[in-house]
Amino acid sequence: MKHSDYIELKNKLQRHNYLYHVLDQPEITDYEFDQLFKKLLDIEAVHPNWVTADSPSQRVGAAPLDQFNKQEHRQPMLSLQNSFSMEDILAFHQRCQKFLNSEKTIEYYCEPKFDGLAIELVYEQGLLTAALTRGDGLVGENVLSNVKTIASVPLKLHTDNPPELLEVRGEVLMLKKDFQSLNESQQESGETPFANPRNAAAGSLRQL
């Protein structure tokens, strides 16, 4: 592997990262992106001196769009790494044991992953004051006005004694039946249908 090949791979990932996280217009599948990203990580493990601050491995998502107000996360909004083999899972388990400094049995709870747009809801004195996308993990986009259209998101906490500050993190997602209805409407109006439910949810939330 030449350094120029590494630079080419890094630039390719940055482009696909921008298409996916910022424009919501992916050109490759999640699996194809993950494989490219894993290749990058493998190269950087062998050549750590090649790693620069702009490497996709040093970022969580992508830079926020300029059209939205940007806001810093009080705590970094990080992301989990993917695993592709039993070796990856065992390595994760060993890291957990090392972090806990314990040989006791660790129990894990697994569930299907909802694929949507990561969001952080900020409540101050019980009122919803901000709704931030992950962005680059440190600074996100405040899409509060659009999040307020989601009926399941409370605009005010249902308590007489709310905490001074509460930050809730989760996923904004679209069910498949709603995705199908949306795409039918898109096609009937002559507009381009969304590629998948994740991009439909992200595109709907981040429309201006």
Protein backbone atom coordinates (compact mmCIF):
# COMPACT_ATOMS: atom_id res chain seq x y z
CA MET A 1 0.00 0.00 0.00
CA LYS A 2 1.47 3.33 -1.11
CA HIS A 3 0.74 6.56 0.71
CA SER A 4 -0.90 7.93 -2.44
CA ASP A 5 -3.34 4.98 -2.40
CA TYR A 6 -4.19 5.79 1.20
CA ILE A 7 -4.86 9.43 0.29
CA GLU A 8 -7.10 8.32 -2.58
CA LEU A 9 -9.08 6.03 -0.27
CA LYS A 10 -9.38 8.75 2.33
CA ASN A 11 -10.71 11.24 -0.24
CA LYS A 12 -13.19 8.66 -1.54
CA LEU A 13 -14.55 8.06 1.95
CA GLN A 14 -14.81 11.77 2.64
CA ARG A 15 -16.88 12.20 -0.52
CA HIS A 16 -19.24 9.34 0.34
CA ASN A 17 -19.43 10.56 3.92
CA TYR A 18 -20.56 13.98 2.67
CA LEU A 19 -23.10 12.45 0.27
CA TYR A 20 -24.54 10.29 3.04
CA HIS A 21 -24.54 12.51 6.11
CA VAL A 22 -24.91 16.00 4.62
CA LEU A 23 -26.78 15.67 1.31
CA ASP A 24 -28.65 12.44 2.17
CA GLN A 25 -27.87 11.22 -1.35
CA PRO A 26 -25.72 8.07 -0.98
CA GLU A 27 -24.18 6.49 -4.07
CA ILE A 28 -23.07 3.25 -2.40
CA THR A 29 -24.66 0.90 0.12
CA ASP A 30 -23.93 1.05 3.85
CA TYR A 31 -22.09 -2.27 3.56
CA GLU A 32 -19.85 -0.99 0.75
CA PHE A 33 -19.04 2.12 2.78
CA ASP A 34 -18.31 0.04 5.88
CA GLN A 35 -15.91 -2.15 3.92
CA LEU A 36 -14.03 0.90 2.60
CA PHE A 37 -13.92 2.36 6.10
CA LYS A 38 -12.62 -0.90 7.57
CA LYS A 39 -9.88 -0.93 4.93
CA LEU A 40 -8.92 2.60 5.98
CA LEU A 41 -8.75 1.57 9.64
CA ASP A 42 -6.58 -1.42 8.78
CA ILE A 43 -4.17 0.79 6.84
CA GLU A 44 -3.99 3.36 9.62
CA ALA A 45 -3.30 0.61 12.15
CA VAL A 46 -0.23 -0.36 10.11
CA HIS A 47 0.77 3.23 9.29
CA PRO A 48 -0.34 5.39 12.26
CA ASN A 49 1.97 8.18 11.09
CA TRP A 50 -0.25 8.62 8.01
CA VAL A 51 -3.31 9.54 10.08
CA THR A 52 -4.30 13.20 9.82
CA ALA A 53 -6.99 15.27 11.52
CA ASP A 54 -9.18 15.17 8.40
CA SER A 55 -9.24 11.37 8.17
CA PRO A 56 -12.77 9.88 8.25
CA SER A 57 -11.58 7.77 11.18
CA GLN A 58 -11.27 10.97 13.22
CA ARG A 59 -14.84 12.04 12.57
CA VAL A 60 -18.28 10.74 13.55
CA GLY A 61 -20.54 12.19 10.90
CA ALA A 62 -19.99 15.18 8.66
CA ALA A 63 -19.85 18.95 8.89
CA PRO A 64 -23.25 20.64 9.36
CA LEU A 65 -24.97 22.33 6.44
CA ASP A 66 -24.52 26.10 6.46
CA GLN A 67 -28.28 26.72 6.18
CA PHE A 68 -28.95 25.47 9.73
CA ASN A 69 -27.89 27.15 12.94
CA LYS A 70 -24.95 25.28 14.42
CA GLN A 71 -24.71 24.44 18.10
CA GLU A 72 -22.10 22.63 20.15
CA HIS A 73 -22.95 19.44 22.00
CA ARG A 74 -22.31 19.75 25.72
CA GLN A 75 -20.88 16.24 25.55
CA PRO A 76 -19.46 14.77 22.32
CA MET A 77 -22.11 12.82 20.40
CA LEU A 78 -20.13 9.73 19.50
CA SER A 79 -20.97 6.68 17.41
CA LEU A 80 -20.41 2.94 17.80
CA GLN A 81 -18.05 1.00 15.56
CA ASN A 82 -19.39 -1.78 13.37
CA SER A 83 -18.34 -5.42 13.75
CA PHE A 84 -18.00 -7.86 10.87
CA SER A 85 -16.68 -11.03 12.50
CA MET A 86 -16.56 -13.06 15.70
CA GLU A 87 -13.00 -11.78 16.18
CA ASP A 88 -14.35 -8.20 16.27
CA ILE A 89 -16.93 -9.17 18.91
CA LEU A 90 -14.37 -10.97 21.06
CA ALA A 91 -12.04 -7.98 20.83
CA PHE A 92 -14.90 -5.73 21.98
CA HIS A 93 -15.56 -8.06 24.92
CA GLN A 94 -11.90 -7.99 25.90
CA ARG A 95 -11.89 -4.18 25.81
CA CYS A 96 -14.94 -4.15 28.09
CA GLN A 97 -13.24 -6.48 30.57
CA LYS A 98 -10.10 -4.37 30.53
CA PHE A 99 -12.09 -1.17 31.05
CA LEU A 100 -14.06 -2.69 33.94
CA ASN A 101 -10.89 -4.30 35.31
CA SER A 102 -12.90 -7.40 36.14
CA GLU A 103 -13.01 -11.07 35.17
CA LYS A 104 -16.68 -11.37 36.14
CA THR A 105 -19.21 -12.49 33.54
CA ILE A 106 -20.52 -9.59 31.47
CA GLU A 107 -24.10 -9.77 30.22
CA TYR A 108 -25.01 -8.20 26.88
CA TYR A 109 -28.44 -7.28 25.58
CA CYS A 110 -28.87 -7.30 21.81
CA GLU A 111 -31.70 -5.93 19.71
CA PRO A 112 -32.30 -4.99 16.07
CA LYS A 113 -30.83 -1.63 15.14
CA PHE A 114 -33.17 1.08 13.93
CA ASP A 115 -31.45 2.94 11.12
CA GLY A 116 -32.32 6.62 11.23
CA LEU A 117 -30.85 10.03 11.94
CA ALA A 118 -29.22 10.47 15.35
CA ILE A 119 -30.78 13.33 17.29
CA GLU A 120 -30.21 15.01 20.66
CA LEU A 121 -33.21 16.66 22.34
CA VAL A 122 -32.34 19.37 24.85
CA TYR A 123 -34.85 20.25 27.57
CA GLU A 124 -34.26 23.24 29.82
CA GLN A 125 -36.60 23.71 32.78
CA GLY A 126 -38.79 21.06 31.17
CA LEU A 127 -39.15 22.83 27.81
CA LEU A 128 -37.72 21.56 24.51
CA THR A 129 -35.21 24.23 23.49
CA ALA A 130 -33.01 22.50 20.91
CA ALA A 131 -32.87 19.42 18.69
CA LEU A 132 -29.37 18.75 17.42
CA THR A 133 -28.17 16.36 14.74
CA ARG A 134 -24.88 14.56 15.36
CA GLY A 135 -22.98 16.69 12.81
CA ASP A 136 -19.29 16.01 13.29
CA GLY A 137 -19.81 14.80 16.86
CA LEU A 138 -18.86 18.12 18.42
CA VAL A 139 -21.13 20.55 16.54
CA GLY A 140 -24.55 19.69 15.15
CA GLU A 141 -27.42 21.35 13.33
CA ASN A 142 -30.32 22.70 15.36
CA VAL A 143 -33.40 21.34 13.54
CA LEU A 144 -35.81 22.23 16.35
CA SER A 145 -38.57 23.62 14.13
CA ASN A 146 -38.73 20.38 12.13
CA VAL A 147 -38.52 18.10 15.17
CA LYS A 148 -41.51 19.92 16.66
CA THR A 149 -43.62 18.43 13.86
CA ILE A 150 -42.99 14.91 15.24
CA ALA A 151 -46.03 14.13 17.36
CA SER A 152 -44.21 11.62 19.59
CA VAL A 153 -41.65 14.20 20.75
CA PRO A 154 -42.95 16.08 23.83
CA LEU A 155 -42.47 19.83 23.68
CA LYS A 156 -42.72 19.92 27.47
CA LEU A 157 -41.82 17.26 30.02
CA HIS A 158 -44.83 15.81 31.80
CA THR A 159 -43.69 16.56 35.34
CA ASP A 160 -44.23 19.31 37.88
CA ASN A 161 -40.59 19.17 38.91
CA PRO A 162 -38.49 19.02 35.74
CA PRO A 163 -34.68 18.93 35.87
CA GLU A 164 -32.84 22.12 35.05
CA LEU A 165 -31.27 20.39 32.05
CA LEU A 166 -32.11 17.11 30.34
CA GLU A 167 -30.49 15.82 27.15
CA VAL A 168 -32.08 12.83 25.42
CA ARG A 169 -30.40 11.03 22.51
CA GLY A 170 -32.06 8.67 20.07
CA GLU A 171 -32.96 8.09 16.42
CA VAL A 172 -35.46 9.76 14.13
CA LEU A 173 -36.72 7.00 11.86
CA MET A 174 -39.45 6.20 9.36
CA LEU A 175 -41.44 2.97 9.30
CA LYS A 176 -41.44 1.02 6.04
CA LYS A 177 -45.17 1.51 5.45
CA ASP A 178 -44.78 5.27 5.85
CA PHE A 179 -41.74 5.17 3.57
CA GLN A 180 -43.73 3.43 0.85
CA SER A 181 -46.56 5.96 1.13
CA LEU A 182 -44.09 8.84 0.96
CA ASN A 183 -42.37 7.48 -2.14
CA GLU A 184 -45.71 6.93 -3.85
CA SER A 185 -46.52 10.57 -3.18
CA GLN A 186 -43.07 11.63 -4.45
CA GLN A 187 -43.57 9.75 -7.71
CA GLU A 188 -47.11 11.04 -8.21
CA SER A 189 -45.84 14.61 -7.91
CA GLY A 190 -42.97 13.94 -10.33
CA GLU A 191 -40.27 14.14 -7.66
CA THR A 192 -37.37 11.75 -7.08
CA PRO A 193 -38.22 8.96 -4.60
CA PHE A 194 -36.00 8.46 -1.57
CA ALA A 195 -33.42 5.65 -1.67
CA ASN A 196 -34.36 4.10 1.69
CA PRO A 197 -36.28 4.86 4.93
CA ARG A 198 -33.17 6.23 6.64
CA ASN A 199 -32.61 8.86 3.96
CA ALA A 200 -36.31 9.67 3.86
CA ALA A 201 -36.31 10.34 7.61
CA ALA A 202 -33.11 12.39 7.41
CA GLY A 203 -34.28 14.33 4.37
CA SER A 204 -37.65 15.12 5.93
CA LEU A 205 -36.07 16.26 9.19
CA ARG A 206 -33.42 18.44 7.55
CA GLN A 207 -35.53 20.13 4.89
CA LEU A 208 -35.48 23.93 4.95
